[in-house]
Protein backbone atom coordinates (compact mmCIF):
# COMPACT_ATOMS: atom_id res chain seq x y z
CA MET A 1 80.92 67.46 239.05
CA PRO A 2 78.53 65.24 241.00
CA SER A 3 79.73 63.71 244.26
CA LEU A 4 80.10 59.95 244.50
CA LEU A 5 79.72 60.02 248.29
CA PRO A 6 75.98 59.22 248.26
CA PHE A 7 76.66 56.23 246.03
CA PHE A 8 79.31 54.83 248.38
CA ALA A 9 77.18 55.57 251.45
CA GLY A 10 74.20 53.71 250.00
CA PRO A 11 73.49 50.03 249.46
CA HIS A 12 74.35 50.10 245.75
CA VAL A 13 78.07 49.76 246.38
CA ALA A 14 77.37 46.37 247.98
CA ASP A 15 75.21 45.46 244.96
CA ILE A 16 78.19 46.03 242.67
CA ALA A 17 80.44 43.92 244.91
CA LEU A 18 77.81 41.15 244.95
CA GLY A 19 77.61 41.32 241.17
CA ALA A 20 81.38 40.98 240.91
CA LEU A 21 81.29 38.01 243.30
CA LEU A 22 78.56 36.37 241.25
CA LEU A 23 80.47 36.97 238.03
CA GLU A 24 83.60 35.45 239.58
CA GLY A 25 81.63 32.36 240.60
CA VAL A 26 80.08 31.93 237.15
CA VAL A 27 83.44 32.31 235.38
CA LEU A 28 85.19 29.85 237.68
CA LEU A 29 82.36 27.31 237.45
CA GLU A 30 82.36 27.54 233.66
CA TYR A 31 86.14 27.15 233.56
CA HIS A 32 85.89 24.05 235.74
CA ARG A 33 83.06 22.65 233.61
CA ARG A 34 85.02 23.11 230.39
CA THR A 35 88.47 22.01 231.54
CA GLY A 36 87.88 19.80 234.56
CA SER A 37 90.57 21.73 236.39
CA GLY A 38 90.53 24.76 238.61
CA VAL A 39 88.43 25.15 241.73
CA ARG A 40 85.88 22.40 242.34
CA PRO A 41 82.29 23.65 242.62
CA ALA A 42 81.95 22.62 246.29
CA ASP A 43 85.20 24.39 247.17
CA LEU A 44 84.13 27.46 245.24
CA ALA A 45 80.77 27.61 246.97
CA MET A 46 82.34 27.22 250.40
CA GLY A 47 84.64 30.12 249.60
CA LEU A 48 82.09 32.47 248.07
CA VAL A 49 79.06 31.98 250.34
CA PRO A 50 80.59 33.54 253.48
CA GLY A 51 81.70 36.56 251.47
CA ALA A 52 78.28 36.89 249.87
CA CYS A 53 76.64 36.76 253.30
CA LEU A 54 78.94 39.51 254.57
CA LEU A 55 78.17 41.64 251.53
CA LEU A 56 74.44 41.09 252.05
CA ALA A 57 74.81 42.16 255.68
CA LEU A 58 76.63 45.29 254.50
CA ARG A 59 73.98 45.98 251.90
CA PHE A 60 71.13 45.72 254.38
CA ALA A 61 73.02 47.74 257.00
CA LEU A 62 73.55 50.55 254.49
CA ALA A 63 69.86 50.33 253.56
CA GLY A 64 68.86 50.72 257.22
CA ALA A 65 67.56 47.20 257.82
CA GLY A 66 66.87 45.97 261.33
CA GLY A 67 69.09 43.94 263.57
CA ALA A 68 67.34 40.64 262.83
CA VAL A 69 68.28 40.78 259.15
CA LEU A 70 71.87 41.78 259.93
CA SER A 71 72.16 39.07 262.59
CA PHE A 72 70.87 36.47 260.13
CA PHE A 73 73.44 37.29 257.43
CA LEU A 74 76.32 37.71 259.87
CA SER A 75 75.46 34.37 261.51
CA ALA A 76 75.20 32.71 258.11
CA ALA A 77 78.61 34.09 257.14
CA PHE A 78 80.14 32.84 260.38
CA LEU A 79 78.59 29.37 260.15
CA THR A 80 79.54 28.84 256.52
CA HIS A 81 83.06 30.05 257.26
CA LEU A 82 83.30 27.55 260.13
CA ALA A 83 82.02 24.76 257.88
CA ASP A 84 84.64 25.63 255.25
CA THR A 85 87.41 25.74 257.84
CA ARG A 86 86.34 22.38 259.28
CA ARG A 87 86.21 20.81 255.82
CA ARG A 88 89.67 22.10 254.93
CA TRP A 89 91.08 21.02 258.29
CA ARG A 90 89.75 17.49 257.82
CA ALA A 91 91.02 17.30 254.24
CA ASN A 92 94.46 18.40 255.40
CA ASN A 93 94.55 15.82 258.20
CA ASP A 94 93.23 13.02 255.96
CA GLN A 95 96.17 13.25 253.60
CA LYS A 96 98.22 10.11 253.85
CA ARG A 97 101.63 10.55 255.40
CA PRO A 98 104.42 8.02 254.97
CA VAL A 99 104.62 5.51 257.79
CA HIS A 100 108.00 4.52 259.19
CA PRO A 101 108.82 0.90 258.38
CA ARG A 102 109.64 -1.13 261.46
CA GLY A 103 113.18 -0.67 262.55
CA ALA A 104 113.83 2.41 260.42
CA ALA A 105 115.40 5.19 262.41
CA SER A 106 114.71 8.02 259.98
CA PRO A 107 113.14 8.69 256.57
CA ARG A 108 116.64 8.64 255.04
CA SER A 109 117.01 4.95 255.86
CA TRP A 110 113.84 4.05 253.95
CA VAL A 111 115.58 4.04 250.59
């Protein structure tokens, strides 16, 4: 029985994970295109890109790439993650909250 250890120690395991990530993105985009519901393309991209960058860093690390390539993909993952977090934070804070009418002591007295 052949050992799977060389496969998991090599860059091909990251290739499979990247393929699965790509397939997930295509399926979710197609679902959104057909139904108009589900994850919006911009939200999907902001969620998948950092993961793809981390998987690319893993792939190149397992392939023995230099530090510049690893630094590039790790930095890209970090920056896209920060951009996604900032976007979500702003969207959460931009949601309208009810404003107390003048003279109302509590939300219960609004009705």
